[in-house]
Amino acid sequence: MASLNKVLLIGNVTQDPELRYTPKGMAVVDLRLAVNHTYRTESGETKEDPCFVTVTIWGKQAETAEKYLKKGRPVFIEGRLKQDTWEKNGEKRSMIKVVCERMQFVGPPPGGGSGGGGGSGGGGARRPPVDPEAPASADEPPKSSGEPDLENDDIPF
């Protein structure tokens, strides 16, 4: 029998992530993500139903999350569901979490503007937009009209 365990979420971080390390030195962050479901009632009123999800991020992505994610920042998470079970005061407890396999920042970087830091946390200086009607400078090769005008900073990987 086939099975699939895949979760795709876009939501807002509810508190600044706190980075910690396992005894073997692996970075880990637990995030709380607020994912809202917006709907209209029969009377036409718009309502939001928030869902709070715990996401565990490991390794280099955890370090990136701690560095760039702050309370209120939107983020896209792709991962899988995992059920954690434990015992407290003789009672068995469990909780379903999302284990992050891929994280991507959504929206403008903190502080607004179009400066660096978006995409995958790369950053770097941004160049001003190029006017396609302006003549090319002598030190730049002419661009063909059928190719997109991409700089290395515009490539998301």
N, C-alpha and C. Protein backbone atom coordinates (compact mmCIF):
# COMPACT_ATOMS: atom_id res chain seq x y z
N MET A 1 0.84 -1.18 0.00
CA MET A 1 0.00 0.00 0.00
C MET A 1 0.89 1.24 0.00
N ALA A 2 0.57 2.20 -0.83
CA ALA A 2 1.34 3.44 -0.93
C ALA A 2 1.02 4.36 0.24
N SER A 3 1.99 5.20 0.59
CA SER A 3 1.74 6.21 1.62
C SER A 3 2.50 7.47 1.26
N LEU A 4 2.03 8.58 1.77
CA LEU A 4 2.66 9.87 1.50
C LEU A 4 2.56 10.71 2.76
N ASN A 5 3.68 11.27 3.17
CA ASN A 5 3.71 12.14 4.35
C ASN A 5 4.40 13.43 3.92
N LYS A 6 3.63 14.40 3.45
CA LYS A 6 4.15 15.66 2.94
C LYS A 6 3.27 16.79 3.45
N VAL A 7 3.90 17.84 3.98
CA VAL A 7 3.20 19.00 4.51
C VAL A 7 3.76 20.25 3.85
N LEU A 8 2.89 21.13 3.38
CA LEU A 8 3.28 22.42 2.83
C LEU A 8 2.54 23.49 3.62
N LEU A 9 3.28 24.41 4.23
CA LEU A 9 2.68 25.45 5.07
C LEU A 9 3.28 26.81 4.73
N ILE A 10 2.44 27.83 4.73
CA ILE A 10 2.91 29.21 4.73
C ILE A 10 2.22 29.87 5.90
N GLY A 11 3.02 30.42 6.80
CA GLY A 11 2.46 31.06 7.99
C GLY A 11 3.44 32.05 8.57
N ASN A 12 3.04 32.64 9.68
CA ASN A 12 3.86 33.64 10.36
C ASN A 12 4.47 33.05 11.63
N VAL A 13 5.73 33.37 11.86
CA VAL A 13 6.44 32.91 13.06
C VAL A 13 5.83 33.63 14.27
N THR A 14 5.50 32.89 15.33
CA THR A 14 4.83 33.49 16.49
C THR A 14 5.79 34.01 17.55
N GLN A 15 7.05 33.58 17.51
CA GLN A 15 8.06 34.11 18.44
C GLN A 15 9.43 33.89 17.83
N ASP A 16 10.41 34.70 18.26
CA ASP A 16 11.76 34.56 17.74
C ASP A 16 12.28 33.15 18.01
N PRO A 17 12.87 32.49 17.01
CA PRO A 17 13.39 31.14 17.22
C PRO A 17 14.60 31.14 18.15
N GLU A 18 14.74 30.07 18.92
CA GLU A 18 15.89 29.91 19.81
C GLU A 18 16.69 28.69 19.34
N LEU A 19 17.92 28.94 18.95
CA LEU A 19 18.80 27.90 18.44
C LEU A 19 19.41 27.14 19.61
N ARG A 20 19.46 25.81 19.49
CA ARG A 20 20.16 24.99 20.48
C ARG A 20 20.89 23.89 19.71
N TYR A 21 21.76 23.19 20.40
CA TYR A 21 22.56 22.15 19.77
C TYR A 21 22.39 20.85 20.53
N THR A 22 22.38 19.73 19.79
CA THR A 22 22.33 18.41 20.41
C THR A 22 23.71 18.13 21.00
N PRO A 23 23.84 17.09 21.86
CA PRO A 23 25.16 16.75 22.40
C PRO A 23 26.19 16.43 21.31
N LYS A 24 25.75 15.99 20.14
CA LYS A 24 26.67 15.70 19.04
C LYS A 24 26.95 16.93 18.17
N GLY A 25 26.40 18.10 18.54
CA GLY A 25 26.70 19.34 17.83
C GLY A 25 25.77 19.70 16.69
N MET A 26 24.65 19.00 16.55
CA MET A 26 23.69 19.31 15.48
C MET A 26 22.78 20.46 15.92
N ALA A 27 22.65 21.48 15.07
CA ALA A 27 21.78 22.63 15.36
C ALA A 27 20.32 22.23 15.20
N VAL A 28 19.46 22.76 16.08
CA VAL A 28 18.02 22.48 16.01
C VAL A 28 17.25 23.71 16.51
N VAL A 29 16.13 23.98 15.85
CA VAL A 29 15.23 25.06 16.23
C VAL A 29 13.81 24.50 16.20
N ASP A 30 13.01 24.83 17.22
CA ASP A 30 11.58 24.56 17.19
C ASP A 30 10.87 25.89 16.99
N LEU A 31 10.08 25.98 15.92
CA LEU A 31 9.32 27.19 15.61
C LEU A 31 7.86 26.95 15.90
N ARG A 32 7.16 28.00 16.28
CA ARG A 32 5.70 27.95 16.31
C ARG A 32 5.24 28.80 15.14
N LEU A 33 4.39 28.23 14.31
CA LEU A 33 3.92 28.89 13.11
C LEU A 33 2.41 29.08 13.22
N ALA A 34 1.93 30.29 12.92
CA ALA A 34 0.49 30.55 12.87
C ALA A 34 0.07 30.52 11.41
N VAL A 35 -0.82 29.58 11.11
CA VAL A 35 -1.35 29.43 9.75
C VAL A 35 -2.84 29.74 9.84
N ASN A 36 -3.28 30.76 9.12
CA ASN A 36 -4.68 31.20 9.21
C ASN A 36 -5.52 30.67 8.07
N HIS A 37 -6.73 30.27 8.42
CA HIS A 37 -7.74 29.88 7.44
C HIS A 37 -8.79 30.99 7.46
N THR A 38 -8.98 31.68 6.33
CA THR A 38 -9.94 32.77 6.23
C THR A 38 -11.16 32.29 5.47
N TYR A 39 -12.34 32.61 6.00
CA TYR A 39 -13.57 32.19 5.35
C TYR A 39 -14.67 33.21 5.62
N ARG A 40 -15.77 33.09 4.89
CA ARG A 40 -16.93 33.96 5.08
C ARG A 40 -18.07 33.16 5.71
N THR A 41 -18.74 33.79 6.64
CA THR A 41 -19.91 33.16 7.26
C THR A 41 -21.10 33.35 6.33
N GLU A 42 -22.23 32.72 6.69
CA GLU A 42 -23.44 32.86 5.87
C GLU A 42 -23.91 34.30 5.82
N SER A 43 -23.62 35.08 6.86
CA SER A 43 -24.03 36.49 6.89
C SER A 43 -23.06 37.38 6.11
N GLY A 44 -21.98 36.82 5.54
CA GLY A 44 -21.04 37.59 4.75
C GLY A 44 -19.86 38.13 5.53
N GLU A 45 -19.81 37.85 6.82
CA GLU A 45 -18.71 38.33 7.67
C GLU A 45 -17.46 37.48 7.42
N THR A 46 -16.30 38.15 7.32
CA THR A 46 -15.03 37.44 7.12
C THR A 46 -14.47 37.05 8.48
N LYS A 47 -14.10 35.79 8.61
CA LYS A 47 -13.53 35.27 9.87
C LYS A 47 -12.20 34.61 9.58
N GLU A 48 -11.34 34.60 10.59
CA GLU A 48 -10.06 33.89 10.51
C GLU A 48 -10.02 32.82 11.59
N ASP A 49 -9.55 31.66 11.20
CA ASP A 49 -9.40 30.55 12.13
C ASP A 49 -7.91 30.18 12.17
N PRO A 50 -7.18 30.63 13.21
CA PRO A 50 -5.74 30.34 13.24
C PRO A 50 -5.46 28.91 13.69
N CYS A 51 -4.41 28.35 13.12
CA CYS A 51 -3.93 27.03 13.51
C CYS A 51 -2.45 27.19 13.86
N PHE A 52 -2.07 26.76 15.05
CA PHE A 52 -0.69 26.91 15.50
C PHE A 52 0.01 25.56 15.38
N VAL A 53 1.14 25.57 14.67
CA VAL A 53 1.86 24.35 14.34
C VAL A 53 3.29 24.47 14.84
N THR A 54 3.81 23.39 15.44
CA THR A 54 5.21 23.35 15.85
C THR A 54 6.02 22.72 14.71
N VAL A 55 7.10 23.42 14.32
CA VAL A 55 7.96 22.97 13.24
C VAL A 55 9.36 22.81 13.80
N THR A 56 9.98 21.65 13.55
CA THR A 56 11.37 21.41 13.96
C THR A 56 12.26 21.51 12.74
N ILE A 57 13.30 22.35 12.87
CA ILE A 57 14.24 22.58 11.78
C ILE A 57 15.62 22.14 12.25
N TRP A 58 16.34 21.40 11.43
CA TRP A 58 17.64 20.83 11.79
C TRP A 58 18.77 21.40 10.95
N GLY A 59 19.99 21.33 11.47
CA GLY A 59 21.22 21.61 10.73
C GLY A 59 21.39 23.05 10.32
N LYS A 60 21.94 23.24 9.12
CA LYS A 60 22.24 24.58 8.60
C LYS A 60 20.96 25.41 8.47
N GLN A 61 19.85 24.77 8.09
CA GLN A 61 18.58 25.49 7.99
C GLN A 61 18.15 26.05 9.35
N ALA A 62 18.45 25.33 10.44
CA ALA A 62 18.12 25.82 11.78
C ALA A 62 18.93 27.07 12.10
N GLU A 63 20.20 27.08 11.74
CA GLU A 63 21.04 28.25 11.97
C GLU A 63 20.55 29.44 11.15
N THR A 64 20.13 29.18 9.91
CA THR A 64 19.60 30.24 9.05
C THR A 64 18.28 30.77 9.61
N ALA A 65 17.43 29.87 10.09
CA ALA A 65 16.15 30.29 10.68
C ALA A 65 16.37 31.18 11.89
N GLU A 66 17.31 30.80 12.75
CA GLU A 66 17.58 31.60 13.95
C GLU A 66 18.12 32.98 13.57
N LYS A 67 18.88 33.04 12.51
CA LYS A 67 19.49 34.30 12.10
C LYS A 67 18.48 35.25 11.45
N TYR A 68 17.58 34.74 10.61
CA TYR A 68 16.73 35.59 9.79
C TYR A 68 15.26 35.62 10.18
N LEU A 69 14.75 34.59 10.84
CA LEU A 69 13.33 34.58 11.19
C LEU A 69 13.10 35.28 12.52
N LYS A 70 12.15 36.17 12.52
CA LYS A 70 11.76 36.88 13.74
C LYS A 70 10.24 36.81 13.85
N LYS A 71 9.73 37.13 15.01
CA LYS A 71 8.29 37.10 15.26
C LYS A 71 7.57 37.91 14.19
N GLY A 72 6.54 37.29 13.60
CA GLY A 72 5.72 37.94 12.59
C GLY A 72 6.17 37.72 11.16
N ARG A 73 7.37 37.22 10.95
CA ARG A 73 7.90 37.03 9.60
C ARG A 73 7.23 35.83 8.93
N PRO A 74 6.75 36.00 7.69
CA PRO A 74 6.16 34.86 6.98
C PRO A 74 7.24 33.92 6.45
N VAL A 75 6.93 32.63 6.43
CA VAL A 75 7.87 31.63 5.96
C VAL A 75 7.10 30.47 5.33
N PHE A 76 7.72 29.86 4.32
CA PHE A 76 7.18 28.67 3.68
C PHE A 76 7.96 27.47 4.21
N ILE A 77 7.22 26.47 4.67
CA ILE A 77 7.83 25.25 5.20
C ILE A 77 7.32 24.05 4.40
N GLU A 78 8.25 23.23 3.96
CA GLU A 78 7.91 21.95 3.34
C GLU A 78 8.51 20.87 4.23
N GLY A 79 7.70 19.90 4.62
CA GLY A 79 8.22 18.89 5.52
C GLY A 79 7.32 17.68 5.62
N ARG A 80 7.43 17.01 6.76
CA ARG A 80 6.65 15.79 6.99
C ARG A 80 6.13 15.80 8.43
N LEU A 81 5.05 15.08 8.66
CA LEU A 81 4.49 14.97 10.01
C LEU A 81 5.25 13.93 10.82
N LYS A 82 5.40 14.21 12.10
CA LYS A 82 6.05 13.27 13.01
C LYS A 82 5.33 13.33 14.35
N GLN A 83 4.99 12.18 14.90
CA GLN A 83 4.33 12.14 16.19
C GLN A 83 5.36 11.87 17.28
N ASP A 84 5.46 12.80 18.23
CA ASP A 84 6.32 12.62 19.40
C ASP A 84 5.46 12.10 20.55
N THR A 85 5.96 11.10 21.26
CA THR A 85 5.26 10.59 22.44
C THR A 85 6.21 10.61 23.63
N TRP A 86 5.66 10.88 24.81
CA TRP A 86 6.43 10.90 26.04
C TRP A 86 5.49 10.65 27.21
N GLU A 87 6.08 10.45 28.36
CA GLU A 87 5.30 10.21 29.56
C GLU A 87 5.59 11.31 30.57
N LYS A 88 4.52 11.88 31.15
CA LYS A 88 4.66 12.93 32.16
C LYS A 88 3.70 12.61 33.30
N ASN A 89 4.25 12.52 34.49
CA ASN A 89 3.46 12.21 35.69
C ASN A 89 2.64 10.94 35.51
N GLY A 90 3.21 9.93 34.86
CA GLY A 90 2.53 8.66 34.67
C GLY A 90 1.53 8.65 33.53
N GLU A 91 1.31 9.80 32.88
CA GLU A 91 0.38 9.87 31.76
C GLU A 91 1.14 9.87 30.44
N LYS A 92 0.64 9.09 29.49
CA LYS A 92 1.23 9.11 28.15
C LYS A 92 0.69 10.32 27.41
N ARG A 93 1.61 11.05 26.78
CA ARG A 93 1.23 12.22 26.00
C ARG A 93 1.81 12.11 24.61
N SER A 94 1.20 12.82 23.68
CA SER A 94 1.73 12.83 22.31
C SER A 94 1.41 14.17 21.66
N MET A 95 2.18 14.47 20.63
CA MET A 95 1.99 15.71 19.90
C MET A 95 2.47 15.47 18.47
N ILE A 96 1.75 16.01 17.51
CA ILE A 96 2.17 15.92 16.12
C ILE A 96 2.90 17.20 15.76
N LYS A 97 4.10 17.04 15.20
CA LYS A 97 4.92 18.16 14.76
C LYS A 97 5.17 18.04 13.27
N VAL A 98 5.73 19.10 12.71
CA VAL A 98 6.21 19.06 11.33
C VAL A 98 7.73 19.10 11.39
N VAL A 99 8.38 18.17 10.73
CA VAL A 99 9.84 18.17 10.60
C VAL A 99 10.15 18.83 9.26
N CYS A 100 10.85 19.96 9.32
CA CYS A 100 11.14 20.75 8.13
C CYS A 100 12.18 20.05 7.26
N GLU A 101 11.85 19.92 5.98
CA GLU A 101 12.81 19.42 5.00
C GLU A 101 13.33 20.55 4.13
N ARG A 102 12.52 21.61 3.98
CA ARG A 102 12.92 22.78 3.20
C ARG A 102 12.21 24.00 3.75
N MET A 103 12.95 25.10 3.87
CA MET A 103 12.40 26.35 4.37
C MET A 103 12.72 27.43 3.35
N GLN A 104 11.74 28.31 3.11
CA GLN A 104 11.97 29.43 2.20
C GLN A 104 11.31 30.67 2.76
N PHE A 105 12.05 31.79 2.77
CA PHE A 105 11.50 33.03 3.26
C PHE A 105 10.47 33.57 2.27
N VAL A 106 9.43 34.21 2.80
CA VAL A 106 8.35 34.74 1.98
C VAL A 106 8.23 36.23 2.29
N GLY A 107 7.99 37.03 1.27
CA GLY A 107 7.79 38.45 1.49
C GLY A 107 9.10 39.20 1.63
N PRO A 108 8.99 40.50 1.91
CA PRO A 108 10.20 41.33 2.01
C PRO A 108 11.02 40.98 3.24
N PRO A 109 12.31 41.30 3.22
CA PRO A 109 13.15 41.04 4.39
C PRO A 109 12.72 41.93 5.55
N PRO A 110 13.10 41.57 6.79
CA PRO A 110 12.74 42.39 7.93
C PRO A 110 13.22 43.83 7.74
N GLY A 111 12.42 44.78 8.16
CA GLY A 111 12.78 46.18 8.00
C GLY A 111 12.29 46.75 6.68
N GLY A 112 11.63 45.92 5.85
CA GLY A 112 11.07 46.39 4.59
C GLY A 112 12.14 46.67 3.57
N GLY A 113 11.73 47.32 2.49
CA GLY A 113 12.68 47.68 1.44
C GLY A 113 13.01 46.49 0.57
N SER A 114 13.88 46.73 -0.40
CA SER A 114 14.27 45.66 -1.31
C SER A 114 15.72 45.29 -1.15
N GLY A 115 16.30 45.57 0.02
CA GLY A 115 17.71 45.25 0.26
C GLY A 115 17.92 43.76 0.33
N GLY A 116 19.12 43.34 0.66
CA GLY A 116 19.46 41.92 0.68
C GLY A 116 18.74 41.17 1.78
N GLY A 117 18.94 39.85 1.82
CA GLY A 117 18.41 39.04 2.90
C GLY A 117 17.18 38.25 2.53
N GLY A 118 16.58 38.43 1.36
CA GLY A 118 15.39 37.69 1.00
C GLY A 118 15.75 36.32 0.50
N GLY A 119 14.81 35.69 -0.23
CA GLY A 119 15.09 34.40 -0.86
C GLY A 119 15.51 33.35 0.13
N SER A 120 16.75 32.89 0.05
CA SER A 120 17.21 31.83 0.93
C SER A 120 18.22 32.33 1.94
N GLY A 121 18.13 33.61 2.31
CA GLY A 121 19.03 34.14 3.32
C GLY A 121 20.38 34.54 2.78
N GLY A 122 20.53 34.59 1.46
CA GLY A 122 21.81 34.90 0.85
C GLY A 122 22.27 36.32 1.07
N GLY A 123 21.40 37.28 0.78
CA GLY A 123 21.77 38.68 0.97
C GLY A 123 22.62 39.18 -0.16
N GLY A 124 23.50 40.11 0.13
CA GLY A 124 24.33 40.71 -0.89
C GLY A 124 23.72 42.01 -1.36
N ALA A 125 24.55 42.85 -1.97
CA ALA A 125 24.08 44.15 -2.43
C ALA A 125 23.19 43.98 -3.65
N ARG A 126 22.12 44.75 -3.71
CA ARG A 126 21.23 44.75 -4.86
C ARG A 126 21.62 45.88 -5.79
N ARG A 127 21.50 45.62 -7.07
CA ARG A 127 21.79 46.64 -8.05
C ARG A 127 20.50 47.34 -8.43
N PRO A 128 20.59 48.61 -8.85
CA PRO A 128 19.37 49.30 -9.28
C PRO A 128 18.81 48.65 -10.53
N PRO A 129 17.49 48.79 -10.76
CA PRO A 129 16.90 48.19 -11.95
C PRO A 129 17.52 48.79 -13.21
N VAL A 130 17.61 47.99 -14.26
CA VAL A 130 18.19 48.42 -15.51
C VAL A 130 17.07 48.83 -16.45
N ASP A 131 17.23 50.01 -17.09
CA ASP A 131 16.26 50.48 -18.06
C ASP A 131 16.55 49.76 -19.38
N PRO A 132 15.61 48.92 -19.89
CA PRO A 132 15.88 48.17 -21.11
C PRO A 132 16.02 49.07 -22.34
N GLU A 133 15.51 50.30 -22.28
CA GLU A 133 15.60 51.22 -23.41
C GLU A 133 16.93 51.98 -23.43
N ALA A 134 17.65 52.02 -22.29
CA ALA A 134 18.90 52.77 -22.22
C ALA A 134 19.98 52.02 -23.00
N PRO A 135 20.89 52.78 -23.64
CA PRO A 135 21.97 52.12 -24.38
C PRO A 135 22.92 51.42 -23.42
N ALA A 136 23.48 50.31 -23.87
CA ALA A 136 24.43 49.56 -23.04
C ALA A 136 25.73 50.34 -22.94
N SER A 137 26.40 50.23 -21.78
CA SER A 137 27.67 50.92 -21.62
C SER A 137 28.73 50.18 -22.42
N ALA A 138 29.87 50.85 -22.63
CA ALA A 138 30.93 50.29 -23.46
C ALA A 138 31.54 49.04 -22.87
N ASP A 139 31.50 48.89 -21.53
CA ASP A 139 32.13 47.73 -20.91
C ASP A 139 31.18 46.56 -20.74
N GLU A 140 29.93 46.68 -21.19
CA GLU A 140 28.98 45.57 -21.10
C GLU A 140 28.69 45.05 -22.49
N PRO A 141 28.61 43.72 -22.67
CA PRO A 141 28.24 43.20 -23.99
C PRO A 141 26.77 43.50 -24.24
N PRO A 142 26.37 43.68 -25.50
CA PRO A 142 24.96 43.95 -25.79
C PRO A 142 24.10 42.75 -25.41
N LYS A 143 22.88 43.02 -24.94
CA LYS A 143 21.96 41.95 -24.52
C LYS A 143 21.02 41.65 -25.67
N SER A 144 20.73 40.37 -25.87
CA SER A 144 19.75 40.02 -26.89
C SER A 144 18.37 40.29 -26.33
N SER A 145 17.43 40.64 -27.19
CA SER A 145 16.10 41.01 -26.72
C SER A 145 15.29 39.82 -26.25
N GLY A 146 15.65 38.59 -26.61
CA GLY A 146 14.86 37.42 -26.23
C GLY A 146 15.26 36.80 -24.90
N GLU A 147 16.36 37.25 -24.31
CA GLU A 147 16.82 36.66 -23.06
C GLU A 147 16.43 37.53 -21.88
N PRO A 148 16.07 36.91 -20.72
CA PRO A 148 15.74 37.72 -19.54
C PRO A 148 16.98 38.42 -19.02
N ASP A 149 16.80 39.57 -18.40
CA ASP A 149 17.88 40.37 -17.83
C ASP A 149 18.10 39.93 -16.39
N LEU A 150 18.92 38.89 -16.17
CA LEU A 150 19.16 38.35 -14.84
C LEU A 150 20.58 38.62 -14.40
N GLU A 151 20.73 38.99 -13.16
CA GLU A 151 22.03 39.13 -12.53
C GLU A 151 22.18 37.95 -11.58
N ASN A 152 23.40 37.66 -11.13
CA ASN A 152 23.61 36.56 -10.18
C ASN A 152 22.79 36.73 -8.93
N ASP A 153 22.56 37.98 -8.49
CA ASP A 153 21.76 38.22 -7.27
C ASP A 153 20.31 37.84 -7.44
N ASP A 154 19.82 37.75 -8.71
CA ASP A 154 18.43 37.44 -8.96
C ASP A 154 18.15 35.94 -9.01
N ILE A 155 19.19 35.12 -9.07
CA ILE A 155 19.02 33.68 -9.15
C ILE A 155 18.82 33.13 -7.75
N PRO A 156 17.70 32.40 -7.49
CA PRO A 156 17.37 32.00 -6.11
C PRO A 156 18.18 30.88 -5.52
N PHE A 157 19.20 30.37 -6.19
CA PHE A 157 19.99 29.29 -5.61
C PHE A 157 21.44 29.56 -5.72
